[in-house]
Amino acid sequence: MAPIPRQTDVLIVGAGPAGLTLAVTLAQLGISYTIIDAKPATAAGSKAAAIQPRTLEYLDRIDLAEKLTDDGLQGTGFAVVDRDRTLLRMSYDSIGSPYPFLLLISQQQTEVRLAERLAQLGGAIHRSMRLLALHEDYPGSVATMVDDDGLVHAVTARYVVGCDGVHSTVRQLAGIAFPGDAPTQLFALADVVIDRVAAEVDTTFSLSPHGMLITSPLPNNLLRVVASAPDGTTPPGEQAVTELLGDRAGGWVRGARVEKVAASSIYQVQQRVAETLRAGDVFLLGDAAHTHSPAGGQGMNTGIQDAANLGWKLHHVLTGLAPAVLLESYDTERRPVAANLIAFTSQLMQVATVVGPTSMELRNDTLVAAASVPGVTDWLASRLAQLDVAYSCAGATDPLVGTRIDPRRSQPKGLRWTLMVPPDEALQMADGEFSVTTSEVERPIAVRPDGIVADPDLFATLFAIDISHSREGSPVR
């Protein structure tokens, strides 16, 4: 391991999925960065177990989607059952993405692949390095940290990004409040080997009278099990998980016997969003910025997409392509996404943890009725896949601005901008500034490196090309 540098453009604190995605993004864009983590190695048995289609679309841009897809299982979607009665099923088969599936893979393997990609780009993680203090040092900050030998290091960084989890040191040192609540509900989590082969590649929510249970197949014949648990519960062993599967599970999992527990833990859900995702030159990503229930497999994916949003903006500002004011859009775009996500997952958990025979019967009948309404399950699938996440843009007259574009219509790989033009447009653009692709569009559309349709004024500012007021929609330079 090379010694930690004394200066860097971006100091990333935390080498989980969000921090690693940001590091890979900056490395791919040629930006100086340093990434540190307090842990000596990638943690085993981490909570996240699925990558959503929206996240895979960005991971493809940093050349990781194919490897991760090879590592994982392609899940068909989500099912909600009451033991052997299917209440609702959300299939990803028809969603508008090059990845019409839920990738079932452990967070540990996701981090391994991100670290490998970082190494390919010449980067490395400075592990066993704990942040102690942050001091302003215009322009930027001086970060003081200590390694596992007790040696103190100081790094001067133009920007500091906290990706260090729910108990974020960066957030605390920056003085950013983390309001919300911590419901009393505990959850037991285990990765286990059972006595049968998976018959379905669904993530299943079992809503039995004994409590909620989420089961999801994983590679290497593992089954992820998440269950609501009473106070005083300890990390479950083979017998405890076997009993959970017998009492609560539905479908092919019901009654399975656990042969081995690969990892298990107990955790309490917190529902919090930081008051701001930026304080001066300090930014928050992932669980440091927002945390919520595990329902729907949204957490890790949201952190990765935080990194996708911030990475290109840091690049543009640090290279002088855009003014520093561009960074203000990180909080205005991503914080509402986090707030809406917490509201959504909280509602899912309230439905899943209903108690009482009458209330449970009413809930189940309502879910069955909802599933029969045309379009409802497709809408739910799209929302869980995070394809509906969009950003408001004040003053924009084009409803596409701020929305995701299907990468099959633009350029799915790389971190350059894309200009989508009608098939009959003939453009001669300087190589390297942005990619130009023809598509069935009525007018030119600019797509940001994170796959979002851009405000034409921003594109015009960056590249001196007007795509909003030109004759017949043709760009004017």
Protein backbone atom coordinates (compact mmCIF):
# COMPACT_ATOMS: atom_id res chain seq x y z
CA MET A 1 0.00 0.00 0.00
CA ALA A 2 1.35 3.39 -1.00
CA PRO A 3 1.52 6.00 1.78
CA ILE A 4 -1.53 8.17 2.14
CA PRO A 5 -1.07 11.41 0.19
CA ARG A 6 -0.88 14.76 1.94
CA GLN A 7 -3.12 16.45 -0.61
CA THR A 8 -6.07 15.30 -2.71
CA ASP A 9 -8.95 16.79 -4.62
CA VAL A 10 -11.56 14.55 -2.97
CA LEU A 11 -11.25 12.67 0.32
CA ILE A 12 -13.78 9.83 0.49
CA VAL A 13 -14.42 8.51 4.00
CA GLY A 14 -15.93 5.03 3.85
CA ALA A 15 -15.33 2.21 1.38
CA GLY A 16 -18.80 0.73 1.21
CA PRO A 17 -20.76 0.61 -2.08
CA ALA A 18 -21.41 4.37 -2.20
CA GLY A 19 -17.83 5.37 -1.40
CA LEU A 20 -16.34 2.85 -3.80
CA THR A 21 -18.70 3.89 -6.60
CA LEU A 22 -17.66 7.51 -6.13
CA ALA A 23 -13.98 6.53 -6.10
CA VAL A 24 -14.35 4.48 -9.31
CA THR A 25 -16.26 7.34 -10.95
CA LEU A 26 -13.59 9.91 -10.07
CA ALA A 27 -10.79 7.55 -11.11
CA GLN A 28 -12.47 6.92 -14.45
CA LEU A 29 -12.80 10.68 -14.93
CA GLY A 30 -9.17 11.33 -13.99
CA ILE A 31 -9.83 13.20 -10.73
CA SER A 32 -7.43 12.99 -7.77
CA TYR A 33 -9.06 11.25 -4.80
CA THR A 34 -8.17 9.37 -1.62
CA ILE A 35 -10.48 6.77 -0.08
CA ILE A 36 -10.12 5.57 3.51
CA ASP A 37 -12.02 3.08 5.66
CA ALA A 38 -11.85 2.20 9.33
CA LYS A 39 -12.30 -1.52 8.68
CA PRO A 40 -9.30 -3.73 7.83
CA ALA A 41 -11.21 -5.58 5.08
CA THR A 42 -14.58 -5.87 3.34
CA ALA A 43 -17.17 -6.89 5.92
CA ALA A 44 -18.89 -10.25 5.52
CA GLY A 45 -22.61 -10.74 6.00
CA SER A 46 -23.64 -7.21 5.03
CA LYS A 47 -27.33 -6.37 4.75
CA ALA A 48 -27.90 -5.46 1.09
CA ALA A 49 -28.65 -8.41 -1.19
CA ALA A 50 -29.99 -6.96 -4.44
CA ILE A 51 -29.02 -4.50 -7.17
CA GLN A 52 -31.89 -2.74 -8.91
CA PRO A 53 -32.06 -2.17 -12.71
CA ARG A 54 -31.53 1.59 -12.33
CA THR A 55 -28.30 0.95 -10.42
CA LEU A 56 -27.07 -1.59 -12.97
CA GLU A 57 -27.54 1.04 -15.67
CA TYR A 58 -25.04 3.28 -13.92
CA LEU A 59 -22.69 0.43 -13.02
CA ASP A 60 -22.58 -0.36 -16.73
CA ARG A 61 -21.22 3.14 -17.32
CA ILE A 62 -18.28 2.33 -15.03
CA ASP A 63 -17.79 -1.10 -16.62
CA LEU A 64 -19.09 -3.29 -13.80
CA ALA A 65 -22.61 -4.43 -14.70
CA GLU A 66 -21.52 -7.43 -16.75
CA LYS A 67 -19.21 -8.87 -14.08
CA LEU A 68 -21.75 -8.38 -11.32
CA THR A 69 -24.48 -9.95 -13.43
CA ASP A 70 -22.24 -12.97 -13.99
CA ASP A 71 -21.68 -13.20 -10.22
CA GLY A 72 -25.32 -12.98 -9.18
CA LEU A 73 -28.74 -14.47 -9.86
CA GLN A 74 -31.27 -12.77 -12.10
CA GLY A 75 -34.37 -12.48 -9.97
CA THR A 76 -37.75 -12.18 -11.64
CA GLY A 77 -39.03 -9.57 -9.18
CA PHE A 78 -40.99 -9.52 -5.93
CA ALA A 79 -43.82 -11.69 -4.63
CA VAL A 80 -46.05 -11.03 -1.62
CA VAL A 81 -47.60 -14.14 -0.08
CA ASP A 82 -49.49 -15.32 2.98
CA ARG A 83 -47.79 -18.67 3.22
CA ASP A 84 -49.18 -20.61 0.23
CA ARG A 85 -51.52 -17.87 -0.99
CA THR A 86 -50.02 -15.42 -3.49
CA LEU A 87 -51.33 -11.94 -2.78
CA LEU A 88 -49.39 -9.92 -5.33
CA ARG A 89 -46.52 -10.48 -7.74
CA MET A 90 -44.38 -7.76 -9.35
CA SER A 91 -42.44 -8.95 -12.38
CA TYR A 92 -39.45 -7.07 -13.79
CA ASP A 93 -39.79 -8.79 -17.16
CA SER A 94 -41.48 -5.87 -18.89
CA ILE A 95 -39.72 -2.87 -17.35
CA GLY A 96 -38.00 -0.50 -19.78
CA SER A 97 -34.36 -1.22 -19.04
CA PRO A 98 -31.50 -3.24 -20.53
CA TYR A 99 -31.55 -5.04 -17.16
CA PRO A 100 -35.11 -6.35 -16.72
CA PHE A 101 -34.34 -8.28 -13.55
CA LEU A 102 -33.44 -7.88 -9.88
CA LEU A 103 -29.81 -8.88 -9.47
CA LEU A 104 -29.52 -11.02 -6.35
CA ILE A 105 -26.00 -10.69 -5.00
CA SER A 106 -24.43 -10.03 -1.62
CA GLN A 107 -23.21 -6.55 -0.75
CA GLN A 108 -19.86 -8.12 0.07
CA GLN A 109 -19.42 -9.34 -3.53
CA THR A 110 -20.57 -5.98 -4.87
CA GLU A 111 -17.87 -4.28 -2.82
CA VAL A 112 -15.28 -6.81 -3.99
CA ARG A 113 -16.03 -6.06 -7.64
CA LEU A 114 -16.00 -2.30 -7.04
CA ALA A 115 -12.60 -2.59 -5.33
CA GLU A 116 -11.28 -4.66 -8.23
CA ARG A 117 -12.45 -2.03 -10.71
CA LEU A 118 -10.79 0.66 -8.62
CA ALA A 119 -7.55 -1.31 -8.69
CA GLN A 120 -7.80 -1.62 -12.48
CA LEU A 121 -7.94 2.17 -12.63
CA GLY A 122 -4.82 2.43 -10.46
CA GLY A 123 -6.54 3.15 -7.16
CA ALA A 124 -6.51 1.54 -3.73
CA ILE A 125 -8.32 1.77 -0.41
CA HIS A 126 -6.39 3.02 2.64
CA ARG A 127 -7.81 0.66 5.25
CA SER A 128 -7.66 0.67 9.05
CA MET A 129 -7.71 4.45 8.85
CA ARG A 130 -10.07 6.27 11.22
CA LEU A 131 -11.08 9.92 10.77
CA LEU A 132 -10.50 12.04 13.88
CA ALA A 133 -11.10 15.66 12.91
CA LEU A 134 -11.92 18.09 10.10
CA HIS A 135 -10.69 21.67 10.02
CA GLU A 136 -11.44 24.32 7.43
CA ASP A 137 -8.42 25.29 5.33
CA TYR A 138 -9.65 27.51 2.51
CA PRO A 139 -10.30 26.33 -0.10
CA GLY A 140 -11.12 22.95 1.42
CA SER A 141 -10.41 21.09 4.64
CA VAL A 142 -7.63 19.36 6.54
CA ALA A 143 -8.62 15.89 7.69
CA THR A 144 -6.77 14.30 10.60
CA MET A 145 -6.84 10.51 10.83
CA VAL A 146 -5.14 7.69 12.67
CA ASP A 147 -4.11 4.26 11.39
CA ASP A 148 -4.13 0.94 13.27
CA ASP A 149 -0.52 1.51 14.40
CA GLY A 150 -1.53 4.72 16.13
CA LEU A 151 0.18 6.98 13.59
CA VAL A 152 -1.60 10.25 12.90
CA HIS A 153 -1.91 11.52 9.32
CA ALA A 154 -3.16 14.82 7.89
CA VAL A 155 -4.66 15.16 4.40
CA THR A 156 -5.65 18.44 2.79
CA ALA A 157 -8.69 17.93 0.55
CA ARG A 158 -10.63 20.33 -1.65
CA TYR A 159 -13.80 18.32 -0.93
CA VAL A 160 -14.62 15.74 1.74
CA VAL A 161 -17.33 13.14 1.14
CA GLY A 162 -18.79 11.14 4.02
CA CYS A 163 -19.78 7.62 2.97
CA ASP A 164 -19.21 6.24 6.46
CA GLY A 165 -22.60 4.89 7.40
CA VAL A 166 -25.40 5.60 9.84
CA HIS A 167 -23.00 6.67 12.61
CA SER A 168 -21.04 8.89 10.21
CA THR A 169 -18.08 10.68 11.75
CA VAL A 170 -18.02 13.07 8.78
CA ARG A 171 -21.64 14.05 9.39
CA GLN A 172 -20.98 14.66 13.09
CA LEU A 173 -17.80 16.68 12.48
CA ALA A 174 -19.62 18.76 9.86
CA GLY A 175 -22.37 19.51 12.39
CA ILE A 176 -25.15 18.17 10.19
CA ALA A 177 -28.24 17.01 12.09
CA PHE A 178 -29.75 13.58 11.34
CA PRO A 179 -33.42 13.85 12.32
CA GLY A 180 -35.85 10.97 12.20
CA ASP A 181 -36.77 8.07 14.42
CA ALA A 182 -35.81 4.54 15.28
CA PRO A 183 -38.92 2.31 15.48
CA THR A 184 -38.77 -0.29 18.21
CA GLN A 185 -39.09 -3.12 15.66
CA LEU A 186 -36.05 -5.39 15.52
CA PHE A 187 -35.05 -7.51 12.54
CA ALA A 188 -33.12 -10.74 12.41
CA LEU A 189 -30.96 -11.30 9.33
CA ALA A 190 -29.27 -14.52 8.24
CA ASP A 191 -27.60 -16.00 5.18
CA VAL A 192 -28.17 -19.74 5.31
CA VAL A 193 -27.80 -22.97 3.35
CA ILE A 194 -31.03 -24.97 3.28
CA ASP A 195 -31.84 -28.56 2.38
CA ARG A 196 -33.30 -27.80 -1.06
CA VAL A 197 -32.51 -26.06 -4.33
CA ALA A 198 -34.29 -22.79 -5.14
CA ALA A 199 -37.40 -23.44 -7.22
CA GLU A 200 -38.04 -19.74 -7.92
CA VAL A 201 -35.75 -16.73 -8.18
CA ASP A 202 -38.15 -14.33 -6.50
CA THR A 203 -37.63 -12.11 -3.49
CA THR A 204 -40.63 -13.06 -1.38
CA PHE A 205 -42.40 -11.11 1.36
CA SER A 206 -44.26 -13.61 3.53
CA LEU A 207 -46.98 -11.94 5.63
CA SER A 208 -47.95 -14.72 8.00
CA PRO A 209 -49.81 -14.40 11.32
CA HIS A 210 -46.46 -15.11 13.01
CA GLY A 211 -44.81 -12.03 11.52
CA MET A 212 -43.11 -10.76 8.39
CA LEU A 213 -40.41 -12.75 6.62
CA ILE A 214 -38.36 -11.79 3.53
CA THR A 215 -36.54 -14.56 1.68
CA SER A 216 -34.28 -14.18 -1.32
CA PRO A 217 -32.01 -16.70 -3.06
CA LEU A 218 -28.34 -15.78 -3.35
CA PRO A 219 -25.43 -17.36 -5.27
CA ASN A 220 -23.60 -20.37 -3.81
CA ASN A 221 -26.89 -21.98 -2.70
CA LEU A 222 -27.47 -19.38 -0.02
CA LEU A 223 -30.83 -18.02 1.09
CA ARG A 224 -31.12 -14.54 2.58
CA VAL A 225 -33.64 -14.43 5.43
CA VAL A 226 -34.89 -11.22 7.07
CA ALA A 227 -37.55 -11.48 9.79
CA SER A 228 -39.28 -9.14 12.20
CA ALA A 229 -38.21 -10.12 15.70
CA PRO A 230 -39.25 -9.33 19.29
CA ASP A 231 -37.08 -7.44 21.78
CA GLY A 232 -34.31 -9.51 23.25
CA THR A 233 -33.78 -11.59 20.12
CA THR A 234 -30.19 -12.73 19.55
CA PRO A 235 -28.56 -13.48 16.15
CA PRO A 236 -30.42 -16.57 14.91
CA GLY A 237 -28.79 -19.97 14.57
CA GLU A 238 -29.80 -23.00 12.50
CA GLN A 239 -32.74 -24.00 14.69
CA ALA A 240 -34.14 -20.47 14.98
CA VAL A 241 -34.06 -19.88 11.21
CA THR A 242 -35.56 -23.32 10.55
CA GLU A 243 -38.45 -22.38 12.84
CA LEU A 244 -38.92 -19.05 11.05
CA LEU A 245 -39.13 -20.81 7.69
CA GLY A 246 -41.62 -23.30 9.07
CA ASP A 247 -43.86 -20.75 10.76
CA ARG A 248 -43.78 -17.87 8.27
CA ALA A 249 -42.42 -18.81 4.83
CA GLY A 250 -44.54 -19.55 1.80
CA GLY A 251 -43.96 -21.33 -1.49
CA TRP A 252 -40.94 -23.53 -2.07
CA VAL A 253 -39.12 -22.22 1.02
CA ARG A 254 -41.79 -23.24 3.51
CA GLY A 255 -40.65 -26.00 5.84
CA ALA A 256 -37.03 -25.95 4.65
CA ARG A 257 -34.38 -27.07 7.13
CA VAL A 258 -31.28 -24.98 7.65
CA GLU A 259 -28.05 -26.91 7.22
CA LYS A 260 -25.62 -24.06 7.79
CA VAL A 261 -25.66 -20.42 8.89
CA ALA A 262 -23.09 -18.42 6.94
CA ALA A 263 -23.82 -15.15 8.74
CA SER A 264 -26.46 -13.77 11.09
CA SER A 265 -27.16 -10.58 12.98
CA ILE A 266 -29.82 -8.45 14.67
CA TYR A 267 -30.45 -4.83 13.78
CA GLN A 268 -32.90 -2.04 14.46
CA VAL A 269 -34.24 0.01 11.57
CA GLN A 270 -33.71 3.75 11.64
CA GLN A 271 -35.64 6.21 9.46
CA ARG A 272 -33.56 9.35 9.08
CA VAL A 273 -32.52 11.92 6.47
CA ALA A 274 -29.72 14.42 7.07
CA GLU A 275 -30.90 18.03 7.29
CA THR A 276 -28.64 18.78 4.34
CA LEU A 277 -26.43 16.60 2.18
CA ARG A 278 -23.86 19.38 1.93
CA ALA A 279 -22.18 21.68 4.45
CA GLY A 280 -19.65 23.88 2.67
CA ASP A 281 -17.14 21.57 1.02
CA VAL A 282 -18.42 18.46 2.85
CA PHE A 283 -20.94 16.08 1.25
CA LEU A 284 -22.86 13.04 2.54
CA LEU A 285 -23.69 9.89 0.56
CA GLY A 286 -25.47 6.62 1.28
CA ASP A 287 -26.33 5.65 4.85
CA ALA A 288 -24.46 8.70 6.16
CA ALA A 289 -27.12 10.78 4.42
CA HIS A 290 -30.24 8.63 4.77
CA THR A 291 -31.29 5.34 6.31
CA HIS A 292 -34.55 3.41 6.25
CA SER A 293 -36.13 -0.03 6.39
CA PRO A 294 -34.87 -2.90 4.18
CA ALA A 295 -38.21 -3.21 2.40
CA GLY A 296 -37.85 -3.35 -1.36
CA GLY A 297 -34.04 -3.48 -1.47
CA GLN A 298 -33.58 0.28 -1.85
CA GLY A 299 -30.78 1.31 0.53
CA MET A 300 -27.49 0.36 -1.13
CA ASN A 301 -28.92 1.24 -4.53
CA THR A 302 -29.79 4.75 -3.41
CA GLY A 303 -26.26 5.28 -2.08
CA ILE A 304 -24.73 4.16 -5.38
CA GLN A 305 -26.99 6.58 -7.22
CA ASP A 306 -25.95 9.36 -4.83
CA ALA A 307 -22.39 8.72 -6.02
CA ALA A 308 -23.51 8.74 -9.66
CA ASN A 309 -25.10 12.16 -9.14
CA LEU A 310 -22.19 13.76 -7.29
CA GLY A 311 -19.27 12.21 -9.19
CA TRP A 312 -19.64 13.99 -12.54
CA LYS A 313 -20.46 17.28 -10.83
CA LEU A 314 -17.22 17.17 -8.81
CA HIS A 315 -15.35 16.40 -12.02
CA HIS A 316 -16.91 19.34 -13.87
CA VAL A 317 -16.16 21.80 -11.06
CA LEU A 318 -12.62 20.57 -10.34
CA THR A 319 -11.66 20.72 -14.02
CA GLY A 320 -13.21 24.16 -14.52
CA LEU A 321 -15.84 22.96 -16.97
CA ALA A 322 -18.63 24.20 -14.69
CA PRO A 323 -18.85 26.79 -11.91
CA ALA A 324 -18.93 25.66 -8.27
CA VAL A 325 -22.64 26.52 -8.07
CA LEU A 326 -23.32 23.24 -9.91
CA LEU A 327 -22.56 21.39 -6.66
CA GLU A 328 -25.59 22.95 -5.00
CA SER A 329 -27.77 20.74 -7.17
CA TYR A 330 -26.55 17.60 -5.38
CA ASP A 331 -28.57 18.37 -2.25
CA THR A 332 -31.56 19.79 -4.12
CA GLU A 333 -31.77 16.69 -6.33
CA ARG A 334 -30.87 13.84 -4.01
CA ARG A 335 -32.34 14.86 -0.65
CA PRO A 336 -35.97 14.77 -1.88
CA VAL A 337 -35.27 11.31 -3.32
CA ALA A 338 -34.12 10.13 0.12
CA ALA A 339 -37.12 11.68 1.87
CA ASN A 340 -39.56 10.08 -0.57
CA LEU A 341 -37.80 6.75 -0.23
CA ILE A 342 -38.16 6.75 3.54
CA ALA A 343 -41.86 7.54 3.24
CA PHE A 344 -42.29 4.73 0.69
CA THR A 345 -40.39 2.04 2.62
CA SER A 346 -42.10 3.08 5.86
CA GLN A 347 -45.48 2.52 4.22
CA LEU A 348 -44.34 -0.88 2.97
CA MET A 349 -43.30 -1.88 6.48
CA GLN A 350 -46.53 -0.65 8.01
CA VAL A 351 -48.48 -2.83 5.58
CA ALA A 352 -46.19 -5.81 6.17
CA THR A 353 -46.35 -5.65 9.98
CA VAL A 354 -50.11 -5.27 10.44
CA VAL A 355 -51.32 -7.29 13.44
CA GLY A 356 -54.65 -8.83 14.33
CA PRO A 357 -56.65 -11.38 12.30
CA THR A 358 -59.22 -8.90 11.00
CA SER A 359 -56.66 -6.29 9.95
CA MET A 360 -54.46 -8.94 8.34
CA GLU A 361 -57.37 -10.42 6.36
CA LEU A 362 -58.38 -6.95 5.16
CA ARG A 363 -54.78 -6.18 4.13
CA ASN A 364 -54.45 -9.44 2.23
CA ASP A 365 -57.75 -9.01 0.41
CA THR A 366 -56.78 -5.44 -0.49
CA LEU A 367 -53.46 -6.60 -1.96
CA VAL A 368 -55.21 -9.26 -4.04
CA ALA A 369 -57.69 -6.69 -5.32
CA ALA A 370 -54.92 -4.19 -6.12
CA ALA A 371 -52.99 -6.82 -8.06
CA SER A 372 -56.00 -7.33 -10.35
CA VAL A 373 -56.12 -3.66 -11.37
CA PRO A 374 -54.36 -3.20 -14.75
CA GLY A 375 -51.05 -1.39 -14.44
CA VAL A 376 -50.71 -1.54 -10.65
CA THR A 377 -48.06 -4.25 -10.46
CA ASP A 378 -46.13 -2.73 -13.38
CA TRP A 379 -46.12 0.62 -11.57
CA LEU A 380 -44.88 -1.01 -8.36
CA ALA A 381 -42.16 -2.89 -10.23
CA SER A 382 -40.98 0.32 -11.89
CA ARG A 383 -40.89 2.10 -8.55
CA LEU A 384 -38.99 -0.67 -6.79
CA ALA A 385 -36.58 -0.79 -9.74
CA GLN A 386 -36.08 2.97 -9.13
CA LEU A 387 -36.78 3.80 -12.77
CA ASP A 388 -39.20 6.53 -11.69
CA VAL A 389 -36.65 8.58 -9.72
CA ALA A 390 -36.51 12.06 -11.25
CA TYR A 391 -35.34 15.55 -10.33
CA SER A 392 -37.34 18.75 -10.49
CA CYS A 393 -35.85 21.57 -12.53
CA ALA A 394 -37.31 25.00 -11.84
CA GLY A 395 -38.27 26.85 -14.98
CA ALA A 396 -37.84 23.87 -17.31
CA THR A 397 -40.44 23.82 -20.07
CA ASP A 398 -39.57 20.32 -21.30
CA PRO A 399 -41.16 17.61 -19.12
CA LEU A 400 -38.28 15.27 -19.94
CA VAL A 401 -35.75 17.44 -18.08
CA GLY A 402 -34.74 15.75 -14.84
CA THR A 403 -36.06 12.32 -15.84
CA ARG A 404 -34.13 9.15 -16.56
CA ILE A 405 -33.58 8.16 -20.17
CA ASP A 406 -33.47 4.50 -21.16
CA PRO A 407 -29.76 3.89 -21.90
CA ARG A 408 -30.70 1.76 -24.87
CA ARG A 409 -31.77 5.01 -26.52
CA SER A 410 -28.62 6.93 -25.64
CA GLN A 411 -25.12 5.77 -24.71
CA PRO A 412 -25.07 3.22 -21.91
CA LYS A 413 -21.30 3.08 -21.31
CA GLY A 414 -18.78 5.69 -20.26
CA LEU A 415 -19.15 8.94 -18.34
CA ARG A 416 -19.36 11.46 -21.16
CA TRP A 417 -22.45 13.47 -21.95
CA THR A 418 -24.67 12.24 -24.77
CA LEU A 419 -26.53 14.37 -27.30
CA MET A 420 -29.48 12.47 -28.75
CA VAL A 421 -30.52 13.81 -32.15
CA PRO A 422 -33.20 12.90 -34.71
CA PRO A 423 -32.13 10.35 -37.34
CA ASP A 424 -31.88 12.97 -40.08
CA GLU A 425 -29.57 15.28 -38.12
CA ALA A 426 -26.03 15.59 -39.48
CA LEU A 427 -23.64 16.81 -36.80
CA GLN A 428 -19.90 17.26 -36.80
CA MET A 429 -18.76 17.61 -33.22
CA ALA A 430 -15.28 17.73 -31.72
CA ASP A 431 -14.29 14.28 -30.52
CA GLY A 432 -14.13 13.85 -26.76
CA GLU A 433 -16.52 16.62 -25.72
CA PHE A 434 -19.64 14.46 -25.73
CA SER A 435 -21.11 11.56 -27.63
CA VAL A 436 -23.69 12.05 -30.37
CA THR A 437 -26.23 9.35 -31.08
CA THR A 438 -29.28 9.21 -33.32
CA SER A 439 -32.60 8.26 -31.77
CA GLU A 440 -36.31 8.54 -32.43
CA VAL A 441 -36.57 12.00 -30.88
CA GLU A 442 -38.23 15.11 -32.28
CA ARG A 443 -35.50 17.47 -31.10
CA PRO A 444 -31.98 17.20 -29.66
CA ILE A 445 -31.88 15.96 -26.06
CA ALA A 446 -28.82 16.22 -23.81
CA VAL A 447 -28.19 13.37 -21.37
CA ARG A 448 -25.97 13.80 -18.32
CA PRO A 449 -23.29 11.25 -17.34
CA ASP A 450 -25.71 9.82 -14.74
CA GLY A 451 -28.37 9.08 -17.38
CA ILE A 452 -30.64 12.06 -16.61
CA VAL A 453 -32.04 14.41 -19.26
CA ALA A 454 -30.33 17.77 -18.74
CA ASP A 455 -31.64 21.31 -18.76
CA PRO A 456 -30.75 22.66 -22.23
CA ASP A 457 -29.36 25.82 -20.61
CA LEU A 458 -26.82 23.78 -18.64
CA PHE A 459 -25.72 21.95 -21.77
CA ALA A 460 -25.39 25.26 -23.62
CA THR A 461 -23.28 26.68 -20.78
CA LEU A 462 -20.93 23.69 -20.68
CA PHE A 463 -20.43 23.15 -24.39
CA ALA A 464 -21.46 26.46 -25.99
CA ILE A 465 -24.19 24.71 -27.97
CA ASP A 466 -27.79 25.88 -27.88
CA ILE A 467 -30.25 23.02 -28.31
CA SER A 468 -33.33 24.82 -27.04
CA HIS A 469 -33.83 27.85 -29.32
CA SER A 470 -32.32 26.77 -32.60
CA ARG A 471 -34.09 26.56 -35.94
CA GLU A 472 -36.11 23.32 -36.26
CA GLY A 473 -34.38 21.96 -33.18
CA SER A 474 -30.90 21.77 -34.74
CA PRO A 475 -28.11 22.66 -32.31
CA VAL A 476 -26.42 26.01 -32.86
CA ARG A 477 -22.80 26.47 -31.91
